[in-house]
Amino acid sequence: MSKYHLRCTQCGEATPDFATWFSQNQQCRCGCKRADVVYSADYHQITELTRPEHQPTDFYHYFDFLPVMDRKNIVTFGEGAIPIEEWDFLEKYAQEKYGVNCKVMVCRNDLNGGTGTFKDIAASLAASLFKENGVREFCVASTGNTATAYARYLVEAGVKFTVFMPHDVSPDTVEAIRACGQELVVCDGTYGDAKKAANDFHEKHNVLISTGNIDPIRVEAKKTMVFEYLRQLGGMPDVYVQAVAGGTGPIALDKGIRDLQTTFPETRMPRLLLVQQDTCDPMVQGWEAAVKAGFPEGYEKDYPVIPNPQTMVSILSAGNPGMYPIVAPIVRRSGGTFLRVKEGELAKFGRIVTD
C-alpha cells in the first residue's frame, strides 16, 4: 500500500503521488489545483507521537503523516517543531484593559535553525519533495518570508529558484536571497504585479510555481501545528486568532483537524478569529455583508476587491482575497468571525509585545 495519495477537493479523483502531481502542473486532471493529501498510516499513532515527553528536533517527527517517502531526501536545518509559548503579559493586559480572563498561547517558529522565519517548515518540505521527485526549478512571488526560506532550502536541494518581489522589498531580504545564489527579480509595482510577473515566467519557461495558500505542500507542513497542540497543550485551543491576507493557517488547521476526526471524531475545531487591518480588509467587508444578509447561498463568493491597498503592512495587503471562498466557510463552521483592527494602532500593540 502506498504511503499517501492526493485527493481532489472538487471531483474526488486520486492522484497517486507528488511526482504525478508535479507532472500535471500541480493540479488534478479536472483542472482543480486544490487537493488533500490522504495517508495510509493509522492516526492512532498520533497518540504516541504527541506524548509530552517527546522533544522533536524537527517536524519530521510526524514522518508517517508527511508526504516524503524516503528519509534520505529530507532537507532540514534543524527548524524544529513549532514552539507554543504562553504570553502572560497579554493575559494581564486582557484582564486589566478589558476584564477578559484567558490563556494566551502563541504558536510561531521564528527562532529556529533555518532562516528565522515561520515559513521554514514549508520550505523544508518543498525542498525535500522536489529533491525526491526530481524537480530542478521553481518560482514564486513573495513579500519576504517565503522568498527567504525557500532560497536557502532549495539551494540545498539543488533546485534553481527564481523569486519575484514588489518594489518595496526589504534590503535585508534582497541580501539573504542573493547570498544563497538564487535569482531575484524586483518588480516595479505591488505584490500583485510580482504575482503576475511570476505567473508569466512560469508559463513562458514551464517552471513549477507556488500555488499559494492552497499548495498541498504548504498545507501539509503547517497542519503539523495541530499535532503540536496535542503534544504541548494536551488538546485543541478554544480560540485560534490570526492576521490573514490569504489564509494558509486556517486552511491547514482545518486540514489537520479533519484528518484527526477520521479516527478521533470528538476532535474539536477552535473558534476562528481572523483579523485584517482597516486599510486592507476585503475579507472583513465580505463577511460583514454575509452576516447582514443571513449567509445567503454563494455568500463566500461575494467580496470586494481593493485594487491598490494603501497600507504600511505589505505582508497582509491582499486586495483581491482569492482564498476567501475557501476560508469563509471554515470560519463559519467554527463559529468564528472576521475582525477589523485599526492600522494606526498596530505600532502601539507591537510595543506591548516587544517590551
Protein backbone atom coordinates (compact mmCIF):
# COMPACT_ATOMS: atom_id res chain seq x y z
CA MET A 1 0.00 0.00 0.00
CA SER A 2 1.29 3.46 -0.88
CA LYS A 3 2.07 5.84 1.95
CA TYR A 4 -0.25 8.54 0.61
CA HIS A 5 -2.20 9.91 -2.33
CA LEU A 6 -3.68 13.28 -3.23
CA ARG A 7 -7.46 13.57 -3.43
CA CYS A 8 -9.02 16.37 -5.47
CA THR A 9 -11.35 18.52 -3.36
CA GLN A 10 -13.52 19.21 -6.41
CA CYS A 11 -14.07 15.87 -8.15
CA GLY A 12 -12.57 13.43 -5.64
CA GLU A 13 -10.16 11.82 -8.12
CA ALA A 14 -6.97 10.38 -6.64
CA THR A 15 -3.52 11.42 -7.85
CA PRO A 16 -1.10 8.68 -6.74
CA ASP A 17 1.87 10.83 -5.63
CA PHE A 18 3.63 14.17 -5.91
CA ALA A 19 5.66 13.02 -8.92
CA THR A 20 2.38 12.73 -10.83
CA TRP A 21 1.04 15.93 -9.27
CA PHE A 22 4.08 17.87 -10.48
CA SER A 23 3.82 16.32 -13.96
CA GLN A 24 0.20 17.53 -14.11
CA ASN A 25 1.28 21.11 -13.39
CA GLN A 26 0.20 20.75 -9.74
CA GLN A 27 -3.44 20.12 -10.46
CA CYS A 28 -5.97 17.33 -10.82
CA ARG A 29 -6.88 16.15 -14.29
CA CYS A 30 -10.16 18.07 -13.85
CA GLY A 31 -8.15 21.29 -13.54
CA CYS A 32 -8.64 21.85 -9.80
CA LYS A 33 -5.47 22.98 -8.02
CA ARG A 34 -6.63 22.08 -4.51
CA ALA A 35 -6.11 18.57 -3.15
CA ASP A 36 -5.96 16.91 0.25
CA VAL A 37 -3.11 14.53 0.99
CA VAL A 38 -4.57 11.28 2.37
CA TYR A 39 -2.33 8.91 4.37
CA SER A 40 -2.49 5.16 4.83
CA ALA A 41 -0.96 5.36 8.33
CA ASP A 42 -3.21 4.73 11.30
CA TYR A 43 -3.96 8.00 13.12
CA HIS A 44 -3.92 6.12 16.41
CA GLN A 45 -0.13 6.56 16.09
CA ILE A 46 -0.64 10.26 16.86
CA THR A 47 -1.41 9.35 20.47
CA GLU A 48 2.15 8.07 20.89
CA LEU A 49 3.83 10.76 18.78
CA THR A 50 2.23 13.56 20.77
CA ARG A 51 3.19 12.33 24.21
CA PRO A 52 4.58 15.37 26.11
CA GLU A 53 7.93 13.72 26.84
CA HIS A 54 8.82 13.83 23.15
CA GLN A 55 11.12 16.73 22.23
CA PRO A 56 11.21 16.70 18.41
CA THR A 57 14.20 18.33 16.74
CA ASP A 58 12.17 18.83 13.57
CA PHE A 59 8.63 18.37 12.33
CA TYR A 60 9.62 15.13 10.55
CA HIS A 61 8.87 13.60 13.92
CA TYR A 62 5.50 13.13 12.16
CA PHE A 63 7.10 11.44 9.15
CA ASP A 64 4.27 8.93 8.58
CA PHE A 65 1.88 11.86 8.17
CA LEU A 66 4.04 13.85 5.75
CA PRO A 67 4.33 13.06 2.02
CA VAL A 68 8.08 12.31 1.87
CA MET A 69 8.71 8.66 1.01
CA ASP A 70 12.39 8.29 1.91
CA ARG A 71 14.07 9.95 4.88
CA LYS A 72 17.31 10.32 2.92
CA ASN A 73 15.58 13.02 0.85
CA ILE A 74 14.77 15.21 3.84
CA VAL A 75 16.26 18.71 3.64
CA THR A 76 16.36 20.26 7.10
CA PHE A 77 18.31 22.88 9.02
CA GLY A 78 17.00 21.96 12.44
CA GLU A 79 13.92 24.14 12.11
CA GLY A 80 12.40 22.16 14.94
CA ALA A 81 8.78 21.60 15.86
CA ILE A 82 6.61 24.70 16.20
CA PRO A 83 7.02 26.03 19.77
CA ILE A 84 3.99 27.21 21.72
CA GLU A 85 4.69 29.95 24.23
CA GLU A 86 2.48 31.42 26.92
CA TRP A 87 2.40 35.22 26.74
CA ASP A 88 1.35 36.11 30.28
CA PHE A 89 1.84 39.82 29.63
CA LEU A 90 -1.02 39.70 27.12
CA GLU A 91 -3.12 37.73 29.59
CA LYS A 92 -2.51 40.52 32.11
CA TYR A 93 -3.31 43.17 29.50
CA ALA A 94 -6.58 41.44 28.55
CA GLN A 95 -7.60 41.21 32.19
CA GLU A 96 -6.68 44.77 33.18
CA LYS A 97 -7.83 46.52 29.99
CA TYR A 98 -10.92 44.52 29.04
CA GLY A 99 -11.77 42.31 32.02
CA VAL A 100 -11.11 39.17 29.95
CA ASN A 101 -9.69 36.17 31.80
CA CYS A 102 -7.88 33.94 29.30
CA LYS A 103 -4.75 31.99 28.49
CA VAL A 104 -2.72 33.35 25.58
CA MET A 105 -0.67 30.69 23.81
CA VAL A 106 1.36 31.82 20.79
CA CYS A 107 2.35 29.37 18.06
CA ARG A 108 5.20 30.72 15.91
CA ASN A 109 8.51 29.32 14.69
CA ASP A 110 10.75 32.33 14.08
CA LEU A 111 13.54 31.28 16.45
CA ASN A 112 14.76 28.17 14.70
CA GLY A 113 17.74 26.67 12.95
CA GLY A 114 16.52 27.56 9.47
CA THR A 115 16.22 31.16 8.34
CA GLY A 116 14.39 32.53 11.35
CA THR A 117 11.05 32.77 9.56
CA PHE A 118 7.79 30.92 10.12
CA LYS A 119 7.92 29.71 6.50
CA ASP A 120 10.85 27.36 7.15
CA ILE A 121 8.81 24.19 7.63
CA ALA A 122 7.02 24.72 4.30
CA ALA A 123 10.35 25.40 2.58
CA SER A 124 11.84 22.29 4.16
CA LEU A 125 9.01 20.05 2.97
CA ALA A 126 9.06 21.62 -0.51
CA ALA A 127 12.82 21.12 -0.83
CA SER A 128 12.51 17.52 0.33
CA LEU A 129 9.72 16.72 -2.13
CA PHE A 130 11.49 18.46 -5.01
CA LYS A 131 14.67 16.51 -4.26
CA GLU A 132 12.76 13.23 -4.03
CA ASN A 133 10.82 13.80 -7.25
CA GLY A 134 13.49 15.36 -9.46
CA VAL A 135 12.17 18.93 -9.60
CA ARG A 136 15.03 21.18 -10.71
CA GLU A 137 13.43 24.64 -10.94
CA PHE A 138 10.78 26.57 -9.05
CA CYS A 139 9.45 30.12 -8.88
CA VAL A 140 7.30 32.17 -6.54
CA ALA A 141 6.08 35.68 -5.82
CA SER A 142 6.73 36.79 -2.26
CA THR A 143 6.84 39.80 0.04
CA GLY A 144 9.71 38.38 2.08
CA ASN A 145 9.43 35.39 4.38
CA THR A 146 8.64 32.76 1.76
CA ALA A 147 11.39 34.06 -0.51
CA THR A 148 13.99 33.99 2.27
CA ALA A 149 13.10 30.48 3.44
CA TYR A 150 12.78 28.87 0.01
CA ALA A 151 16.03 30.48 -1.22
CA ARG A 152 18.05 28.68 1.44
CA TYR A 153 16.29 25.33 1.44
CA LEU A 154 16.02 24.97 -2.33
CA VAL A 155 19.69 25.69 -2.94
CA GLU A 156 20.46 22.85 -0.52
CA ALA A 157 18.19 20.59 -2.60
CA GLY A 158 19.90 21.64 -5.84
CA VAL A 159 16.82 23.48 -7.12
CA LYS A 160 17.13 26.70 -9.11
CA PHE A 161 14.84 29.26 -7.52
CA THR A 162 13.52 32.48 -9.05
CA VAL A 163 11.59 34.84 -6.79
CA PHE A 164 9.56 37.89 -7.86
CA MET A 165 9.09 40.65 -5.28
CA PRO A 166 7.38 44.07 -5.10
CA HIS A 167 9.34 47.31 -5.32
CA ASP A 168 9.26 47.90 -1.55
CA VAL A 169 11.12 44.69 -0.67
CA SER A 170 13.38 44.93 2.36
CA PRO A 171 17.10 45.29 1.54
CA ASP A 172 17.85 42.58 4.12
CA THR A 173 15.62 40.17 2.21
CA VAL A 174 17.39 41.01 -1.04
CA GLU A 175 20.77 40.27 0.55
CA ALA A 176 19.57 36.99 2.09
CA ILE A 177 18.26 35.66 -1.23
CA ARG A 178 21.26 36.70 -3.28
CA ALA A 179 23.62 35.28 -0.65
CA CYS A 180 22.11 31.88 -1.48
CA GLY A 181 22.94 32.38 -5.15
CA GLN A 182 19.28 32.36 -6.17
CA GLU A 183 17.61 34.63 -8.74
CA LEU A 184 15.70 37.69 -7.50
CA VAL A 185 13.52 39.91 -9.69
CA VAL A 186 12.33 43.15 -8.08
CA CYS A 187 9.24 44.38 -9.92
CA ASP A 188 8.23 48.00 -10.49
CA GLY A 189 4.97 47.67 -8.64
CA THR A 190 2.99 45.96 -5.91
CA TYR A 191 2.80 42.37 -4.73
CA GLY A 192 0.04 41.89 -7.30
CA ASP A 193 2.46 42.93 -10.04
CA ALA A 194 5.04 40.49 -8.68
CA LYS A 195 2.49 37.66 -8.80
CA LYS A 196 1.68 38.44 -12.41
CA ALA A 197 5.37 38.51 -13.33
CA ALA A 198 5.92 35.16 -11.60
CA ASN A 199 2.98 33.60 -13.43
CA ASP A 200 4.21 34.94 -16.79
CA PHE A 201 7.63 33.40 -16.05
CA HIS A 202 6.00 30.10 -15.08
CA GLU A 203 4.02 29.91 -18.32
CA LYS A 204 6.82 31.05 -20.61
CA HIS A 205 9.50 28.76 -19.23
CA ASN A 206 7.35 25.85 -17.99
CA VAL A 207 8.73 26.23 -14.46
CA LEU A 208 6.78 24.96 -11.45
CA ILE A 209 5.24 27.82 -9.46
CA SER A 210 3.87 28.03 -5.96
CA THR A 211 0.11 27.55 -5.97
CA GLY A 212 -0.13 29.80 -2.94
CA ASN A 213 -2.23 29.24 0.15
CA ILE A 214 -3.83 26.02 -1.14
CA ASP A 215 -0.49 24.45 -2.09
CA PRO A 216 -0.73 20.97 -0.51
CA ILE A 217 2.97 21.16 0.38
CA ARG A 218 2.44 24.29 2.46
CA VAL A 219 -0.76 22.92 3.96
CA GLU A 220 0.78 19.58 4.94
CA ALA A 221 3.76 21.27 6.60
CA LYS A 222 1.67 23.77 8.51
CA LYS A 223 -1.00 21.27 9.58
CA THR A 224 1.57 19.74 11.95
CA MET A 225 0.72 22.61 14.32
CA VAL A 226 -2.39 20.57 15.18
CA PHE A 227 -0.17 17.71 16.33
CA GLU A 228 1.88 20.17 18.38
CA TYR A 229 -1.28 21.43 20.10
CA LEU A 230 -1.85 17.86 21.23
CA ARG A 231 1.77 17.41 22.35
CA GLN A 232 2.33 20.76 24.03
CA LEU A 233 -1.18 21.75 25.16
CA GLY A 234 -2.82 18.35 25.53
CA GLY A 235 -5.68 19.31 23.21
CA MET A 236 -7.09 21.91 20.85
CA PRO A 237 -7.23 25.56 21.89
CA ASP A 238 -10.66 27.13 22.35
CA VAL A 239 -9.92 30.05 20.01
CA TYR A 240 -7.49 30.49 17.12
CA VAL A 241 -6.53 34.08 16.25
CA GLN A 242 -4.52 35.03 13.16
CA ALA A 243 -3.99 38.06 10.94
CA VAL A 244 -4.67 36.99 7.36
CA ALA A 245 -4.06 38.07 3.80
CA GLY A 246 -4.62 34.68 2.19
CA GLY A 247 -5.12 32.14 4.95
CA THR A 248 -2.78 29.14 4.82
CA GLY A 249 -3.01 28.95 8.62
CA PRO A 250 -6.77 28.35 8.90
CA ILE A 251 -6.76 26.13 5.80
CA ALA A 252 -4.01 23.96 7.33
CA LEU A 253 -5.67 23.95 10.75
CA ASP A 254 -8.88 22.71 9.15
CA LYS A 255 -6.98 20.01 7.24
CA GLY A 256 -5.16 18.74 10.32
CA ILE A 257 -8.32 18.57 12.37
CA ARG A 258 -10.29 16.84 9.60
CA ASP A 259 -7.52 14.24 9.41
CA LEU A 260 -7.71 13.59 13.15
CA GLN A 261 -11.50 13.42 13.06
CA THR A 262 -11.34 10.36 10.78
CA THR A 263 -10.12 8.43 13.84
CA PHE A 264 -10.97 10.77 16.72
CA PRO A 265 -14.36 12.29 15.78
CA GLU A 266 -14.51 14.17 19.06
CA THR A 267 -11.60 16.43 17.99
CA ARG A 268 -12.93 19.97 18.20
CA MET A 269 -12.23 22.82 15.79
CA PRO A 270 -11.21 26.04 17.59
CA ARG A 271 -13.31 29.13 17.01
CA LEU A 272 -11.50 31.15 14.34
CA LEU A 273 -11.00 34.89 14.76
CA LEU A 274 -9.29 36.15 11.61
CA VAL A 275 -8.04 39.72 11.57
CA GLN A 276 -7.35 42.32 8.89
CA GLN A 277 -6.26 45.94 9.18
CA ASP A 278 -8.74 48.66 8.22
CA THR A 279 -6.60 49.82 5.27
CA CYS A 280 -6.99 46.45 3.51
CA ASP A 281 -9.94 44.44 4.81
CA PRO A 282 -11.82 42.84 1.89
CA MET A 283 -12.45 39.61 3.81
CA VAL A 284 -13.92 41.53 6.73
CA GLN A 285 -16.16 43.52 4.40
CA GLY A 286 -17.32 40.37 2.63
CA TRP A 287 -18.05 38.67 5.95
CA GLU A 288 -19.97 41.65 7.34
CA ALA A 289 -22.15 41.70 4.23
CA ALA A 290 -22.78 37.95 4.57
CA VAL A 291 -23.75 38.28 8.24
CA LYS A 292 -26.13 41.14 7.45
CA ALA A 293 -27.78 39.13 4.65
CA GLY A 294 -28.05 35.96 6.76
CA PHE A 295 -25.42 33.98 4.84
CA PRO A 296 -27.31 33.51 1.55
CA GLU A 297 -26.27 30.78 -0.86
CA GLY A 298 -22.97 31.71 -2.51
CA TYR A 299 -22.09 34.27 0.19
CA GLU A 300 -18.47 33.11 0.14
CA LYS A 301 -18.08 34.29 -3.45
CA ASP A 302 -19.29 37.81 -2.70
CA TYR A 303 -16.46 40.04 -1.51
CA PRO A 304 -14.96 43.39 -2.58
CA VAL A 305 -11.65 43.88 -4.35
CA ILE A 306 -9.38 46.68 -3.22
CA PRO A 307 -7.29 47.43 -6.34
CA ASN A 308 -4.41 49.35 -4.76
CA PRO A 309 -4.32 48.99 -0.98
CA GLN A 310 -2.70 51.92 0.80
CA THR A 311 -1.17 50.19 3.78
CA MET A 312 2.05 50.00 5.73
CA VAL A 313 1.71 46.24 6.28
CA SER A 314 2.56 44.83 2.88
CA ILE A 315 2.58 41.21 4.04
CA LEU A 316 -1.17 41.49 4.78
CA SER A 317 -2.08 43.58 1.75
CA ALA A 318 -4.10 41.20 -0.41
CA GLY A 319 -6.67 43.47 -2.01
CA ASN A 320 -8.15 40.59 -4.02
CA PRO A 321 -8.61 37.81 -1.44
CA GLY A 322 -8.85 34.75 -3.68
CA MET A 323 -8.84 32.46 -0.65
CA TYR A 324 -11.98 33.97 0.89
CA PRO A 325 -14.32 31.41 -0.77
CA ILE A 326 -12.32 28.67 0.96
CA VAL A 327 -11.59 30.36 4.28
CA ALA A 328 -15.02 31.91 4.97
CA PRO A 329 -16.88 28.54 5.19
CA ILE A 330 -14.16 27.25 7.55
CA VAL A 331 -14.67 30.29 9.79
CA ARG A 332 -18.43 29.85 9.73
CA ARG A 333 -18.25 26.15 10.63
CA SER A 334 -16.00 27.03 13.56
CA GLY A 335 -18.48 29.57 14.94
CA GLY A 336 -15.90 32.29 14.44
CA THR A 337 -15.73 35.63 12.67
CA PHE A 338 -13.54 38.13 10.83
CA LEU A 339 -12.38 41.19 12.74
CA ARG A 340 -11.02 44.60 11.75
CA VAL A 341 -8.24 46.44 13.59
CA LYS A 342 -7.01 49.99 13.07
CA GLU A 343 -3.66 50.02 11.30
CA GLY A 344 -2.79 53.23 13.14
CA GLU A 345 -2.84 51.32 16.44
CA LEU A 346 -0.61 48.44 15.35
CA ALA A 347 2.60 50.14 16.44
CA LYS A 348 1.16 50.58 19.95
CA PHE A 349 0.32 46.89 20.23
CA GLY A 350 3.69 45.98 18.70
CA ARG A 351 5.41 47.83 21.52
CA ILE A 352 3.36 45.89 24.07
CA VAL A 353 4.67 42.64 22.54
CA THR A 354 8.30 43.71 22.17
CA ASP A 355 8.54 45.38 25.56
